[in-house]
Amino acid sequence: MISRAIVESIVKSDAATLKADKAAVTGVVNEIVLNELMVEDRLNEEVREILKKFEADIEKGRLDYKQLFDLTKKKLVRERNVIL
């Protein structure tokens, strides 16, 4: 597990001293890593929700879904300073 390796690396390098047991710290690190990995998934889901408003125009061929998706995603990334 990557979170265990991160904690072990920190402990071995003396970069920090743990104030909780390794299992608890590993659990917290695991949550942080998982949340970071899910940022793009949550953003994609939000873009899909936004684009539902334009569903009729997309189906009629007036708007290109892929292009609209990419533009909307880029806009949200810029506005929120998200790093993907």
N, C-alpha and C. Protein backbone atom coordinates (compact mmCIF):
# COMPACT_ATOMS: atom_id res chain seq x y z
N MET A 1 0.85 -1.17 0.00
CA MET A 1 0.00 0.00 0.00
C MET A 1 0.90 1.24 0.00
N ILE A 2 0.57 2.19 -0.85
CA ILE A 2 1.40 3.37 -1.00
C ILE A 2 1.44 4.22 0.27
N SER A 3 0.33 4.30 0.98
CA SER A 3 0.32 5.12 2.19
C SER A 3 1.25 4.54 3.25
N ARG A 4 1.34 3.23 3.33
CA ARG A 4 2.26 2.60 4.29
C ARG A 4 3.70 2.92 3.90
N ALA A 5 4.00 2.87 2.60
CA ALA A 5 5.34 3.19 2.12
C ALA A 5 5.70 4.64 2.41
N ILE A 6 4.74 5.53 2.26
CA ILE A 6 4.98 6.96 2.55
C ILE A 6 5.32 7.14 4.02
N VAL A 7 4.54 6.54 4.89
CA VAL A 7 4.78 6.66 6.34
C VAL A 7 6.12 6.06 6.70
N GLU A 8 6.43 4.90 6.17
CA GLU A 8 7.72 4.24 6.46
C GLU A 8 8.87 5.13 6.00
N SER A 9 8.73 5.73 4.83
CA SER A 9 9.78 6.60 4.30
C SER A 9 10.00 7.81 5.20
N ILE A 10 8.92 8.40 5.66
CA ILE A 10 9.02 9.56 6.56
C ILE A 10 9.69 9.18 7.87
N VAL A 11 9.29 8.05 8.43
CA VAL A 11 9.86 7.60 9.70
C VAL A 11 11.35 7.29 9.54
N LYS A 12 11.71 6.57 8.48
CA LYS A 12 13.11 6.20 8.26
C LYS A 12 14.01 7.40 8.01
N SER A 13 13.48 8.41 7.37
CA SER A 13 14.30 9.58 7.04
C SER A 13 14.38 10.58 8.19
N ASP A 14 13.68 10.31 9.27
CA ASP A 14 13.61 11.22 10.41
C ASP A 14 13.09 12.60 10.02
N ALA A 15 12.25 12.65 8.97
CA ALA A 15 11.67 13.91 8.51
C ALA A 15 10.59 14.39 9.48
N ALA A 16 10.03 13.44 10.24
CA ALA A 16 8.98 13.80 11.20
C ALA A 16 8.95 12.75 12.29
N THR A 17 8.41 13.14 13.41
CA THR A 17 8.22 12.22 14.52
C THR A 17 6.72 11.98 14.66
N LEU A 18 6.33 10.73 14.67
CA LEU A 18 4.92 10.40 14.76
C LEU A 18 4.42 10.60 16.19
N LYS A 19 3.26 11.23 16.33
CA LYS A 19 2.65 11.40 17.64
C LYS A 19 1.50 10.42 17.83
N ALA A 20 1.26 9.60 16.81
CA ALA A 20 0.25 8.55 16.87
C ALA A 20 0.90 7.28 16.33
N ASP A 21 0.23 6.15 16.52
CA ASP A 21 0.84 4.91 16.02
C ASP A 21 0.81 4.88 14.49
N LYS A 22 1.68 4.07 13.93
CA LYS A 22 1.84 4.02 12.47
C LYS A 22 0.54 3.68 11.76
N ALA A 23 -0.26 2.81 12.35
CA ALA A 23 -1.51 2.41 11.70
C ALA A 23 -2.46 3.60 11.56
N ALA A 24 -2.55 4.41 12.59
CA ALA A 24 -3.43 5.59 12.53
C ALA A 24 -2.92 6.60 11.51
N VAL A 25 -1.63 6.84 11.51
CA VAL A 25 -1.04 7.78 10.56
C VAL A 25 -1.20 7.25 9.14
N THR A 26 -0.99 5.97 8.95
CA THR A 26 -1.16 5.36 7.63
C THR A 26 -2.60 5.51 7.15
N GLY A 27 -3.55 5.37 8.04
CA GLY A 27 -4.96 5.56 7.69
C GLY A 27 -5.24 6.97 7.21
N VAL A 28 -4.69 7.94 7.90
CA VAL A 28 -4.88 9.35 7.51
C VAL A 28 -4.22 9.62 6.16
N VAL A 29 -3.00 9.13 5.98
CA VAL A 29 -2.29 9.31 4.71
C VAL A 29 -3.08 8.64 3.58
N ASN A 30 -3.63 7.48 3.85
CA ASN A 30 -4.43 6.77 2.85
C ASN A 30 -5.64 7.61 2.42
N GLU A 31 -6.32 8.22 3.37
CA GLU A 31 -7.47 9.09 3.06
C GLU A 31 -7.04 10.27 2.19
N ILE A 32 -5.91 10.87 2.53
CA ILE A 32 -5.41 12.02 1.77
C ILE A 32 -5.09 11.61 0.34
N VAL A 33 -4.39 10.51 0.18
CA VAL A 33 -4.02 10.03 -1.16
C VAL A 33 -5.28 9.71 -1.97
N LEU A 34 -6.22 9.04 -1.37
CA LEU A 34 -7.46 8.68 -2.05
C LEU A 34 -8.24 9.92 -2.48
N ASN A 35 -8.33 10.90 -1.60
CA ASN A 35 -9.02 12.15 -1.94
C ASN A 35 -8.35 12.85 -3.12
N GLU A 36 -7.03 12.86 -3.13
CA GLU A 36 -6.31 13.50 -4.24
C GLU A 36 -6.54 12.76 -5.55
N LEU A 37 -6.59 11.44 -5.48
CA LEU A 37 -6.82 10.66 -6.69
C LEU A 37 -8.24 10.83 -7.22
N MET A 38 -9.16 11.16 -6.36
CA MET A 38 -10.56 11.28 -6.74
C MET A 38 -10.94 12.70 -7.20
N VAL A 39 -10.03 13.65 -7.12
CA VAL A 39 -10.33 15.03 -7.51
C VAL A 39 -10.85 15.08 -8.94
N GLU A 40 -10.15 14.43 -9.86
CA GLU A 40 -10.56 14.49 -11.25
C GLU A 40 -11.89 13.77 -11.48
N ASP A 41 -12.11 12.66 -10.78
CA ASP A 41 -13.39 11.96 -10.92
C ASP A 41 -14.56 12.84 -10.47
N ARG A 42 -14.37 13.53 -9.35
CA ARG A 42 -15.44 14.42 -8.86
C ARG A 42 -15.66 15.58 -9.82
N LEU A 43 -14.58 16.11 -10.36
CA LEU A 43 -14.69 17.21 -11.31
C LEU A 43 -15.42 16.75 -12.57
N ASN A 44 -15.07 15.58 -13.08
CA ASN A 44 -15.75 15.04 -14.27
C ASN A 44 -17.24 14.86 -14.02
N GLU A 45 -17.60 14.38 -12.85
CA GLU A 45 -19.01 14.20 -12.52
C GLU A 45 -19.73 15.55 -12.46
N GLU A 46 -19.07 16.54 -11.92
CA GLU A 46 -19.66 17.87 -11.86
C GLU A 46 -19.87 18.45 -13.26
N VAL A 47 -18.92 18.23 -14.14
CA VAL A 47 -19.05 18.70 -15.52
C VAL A 47 -20.23 18.00 -16.19
N ARG A 48 -20.37 16.69 -15.98
CA ARG A 48 -21.51 15.96 -16.55
C ARG A 48 -22.84 16.55 -16.09
N GLU A 49 -22.90 16.88 -14.80
CA GLU A 49 -24.13 17.48 -14.26
C GLU A 49 -24.41 18.84 -14.90
N ILE A 50 -23.38 19.64 -15.09
CA ILE A 50 -23.54 20.95 -15.72
C ILE A 50 -24.04 20.79 -17.15
N LEU A 51 -23.50 19.81 -17.87
CA LEU A 51 -23.85 19.63 -19.27
C LEU A 51 -25.24 19.05 -19.48
N LYS A 52 -25.85 18.53 -18.44
CA LYS A 52 -27.22 18.03 -18.57
C LYS A 52 -28.18 19.13 -19.00
N LYS A 53 -27.86 20.38 -18.67
CA LYS A 53 -28.69 21.52 -19.08
C LYS A 53 -28.71 21.67 -20.59
N PHE A 54 -27.67 21.20 -21.26
CA PHE A 54 -27.52 21.36 -22.70
C PHE A 54 -27.82 20.07 -23.46
N GLU A 55 -28.42 19.12 -22.78
CA GLU A 55 -28.65 17.80 -23.35
C GLU A 55 -29.44 17.85 -24.66
N ALA A 56 -30.47 18.65 -24.72
CA ALA A 56 -31.28 18.73 -25.93
C ALA A 56 -30.47 19.27 -27.10
N ASP A 57 -29.69 20.31 -26.88
CA ASP A 57 -28.87 20.87 -27.95
C ASP A 57 -27.78 19.90 -28.39
N ILE A 58 -27.24 19.15 -27.45
CA ILE A 58 -26.20 18.16 -27.78
C ILE A 58 -26.81 17.06 -28.63
N GLU A 59 -28.00 16.58 -28.25
CA GLU A 59 -28.65 15.51 -29.00
C GLU A 59 -29.03 15.95 -30.40
N LYS A 60 -29.38 17.22 -30.56
CA LYS A 60 -29.76 17.73 -31.88
C LYS A 60 -28.53 18.04 -32.74
N GLY A 61 -27.36 17.90 -32.16
CA GLY A 61 -26.13 18.12 -32.91
C GLY A 61 -25.68 19.57 -32.97
N ARG A 62 -26.35 20.43 -32.22
CA ARG A 62 -25.97 21.85 -32.21
C ARG A 62 -24.71 22.09 -31.39
N LEU A 63 -24.48 21.22 -30.42
CA LEU A 63 -23.29 21.34 -29.57
C LEU A 63 -22.55 20.01 -29.56
N ASP A 64 -21.24 20.09 -29.53
CA ASP A 64 -20.41 18.89 -29.48
C ASP A 64 -20.11 18.57 -28.01
N TYR A 65 -20.56 17.41 -27.55
CA TYR A 65 -20.44 17.05 -26.14
C TYR A 65 -18.98 17.05 -25.69
N LYS A 66 -18.12 16.39 -26.45
CA LYS A 66 -16.71 16.28 -26.06
C LYS A 66 -16.05 17.65 -25.95
N GLN A 67 -16.30 18.50 -26.92
CA GLN A 67 -15.71 19.84 -26.90
C GLN A 67 -16.25 20.65 -25.72
N LEU A 68 -17.55 20.58 -25.51
CA LEU A 68 -18.17 21.30 -24.41
C LEU A 68 -17.67 20.77 -23.06
N PHE A 69 -17.52 19.45 -22.97
CA PHE A 69 -17.01 18.83 -21.74
C PHE A 69 -15.61 19.35 -21.44
N ASP A 70 -14.74 19.31 -22.44
CA ASP A 70 -13.35 19.75 -22.25
C ASP A 70 -13.26 21.22 -21.87
N LEU A 71 -14.04 22.06 -22.55
CA LEU A 71 -14.03 23.50 -22.25
C LEU A 71 -14.54 23.78 -20.84
N THR A 72 -15.60 23.10 -20.46
CA THR A 72 -16.17 23.30 -19.12
C THR A 72 -15.20 22.83 -18.05
N LYS A 73 -14.57 21.69 -18.28
CA LYS A 73 -13.61 21.16 -17.32
C LYS A 73 -12.42 22.10 -17.17
N LYS A 74 -11.89 22.59 -18.28
CA LYS A 74 -10.77 23.53 -18.22
C LYS A 74 -11.14 24.79 -17.45
N LYS A 75 -12.36 25.26 -17.66
CA LYS A 75 -12.82 26.47 -16.97
C LYS A 75 -12.87 26.24 -15.46
N LEU A 76 -13.42 25.11 -15.04
CA LEU A 76 -13.50 24.81 -13.62
C LEU A 76 -12.11 24.62 -13.01
N VAL A 77 -11.21 23.99 -13.74
CA VAL A 77 -9.84 23.80 -13.26
C VAL A 77 -9.17 25.15 -13.02
N ARG A 78 -9.33 26.05 -13.98
CA ARG A 78 -8.75 27.40 -13.84
C ARG A 78 -9.37 28.14 -12.67
N GLU A 79 -10.68 28.13 -12.57
CA GLU A 79 -11.38 28.88 -11.52
C GLU A 79 -11.00 28.38 -10.13
N ARG A 80 -10.79 27.10 -10.00
CA ARG A 80 -10.54 26.50 -8.69
C ARG A 80 -9.08 26.21 -8.41
N ASN A 81 -8.23 26.52 -9.37
CA ASN A 81 -6.79 26.24 -9.23
C ASN A 81 -6.53 24.78 -8.89
N VAL A 82 -7.23 23.91 -9.58
CA VAL A 82 -7.09 22.47 -9.37
C VAL A 82 -5.88 21.98 -10.16
N ILE A 83 -5.12 21.10 -9.58
CA ILE A 83 -3.99 20.48 -10.25
C ILE A 83 -4.37 19.04 -10.53
N LEU A 84 -4.37 18.69 -11.81
CA LEU A 84 -4.75 17.31 -12.19
C LEU A 84 -3.53 16.52 -12.57
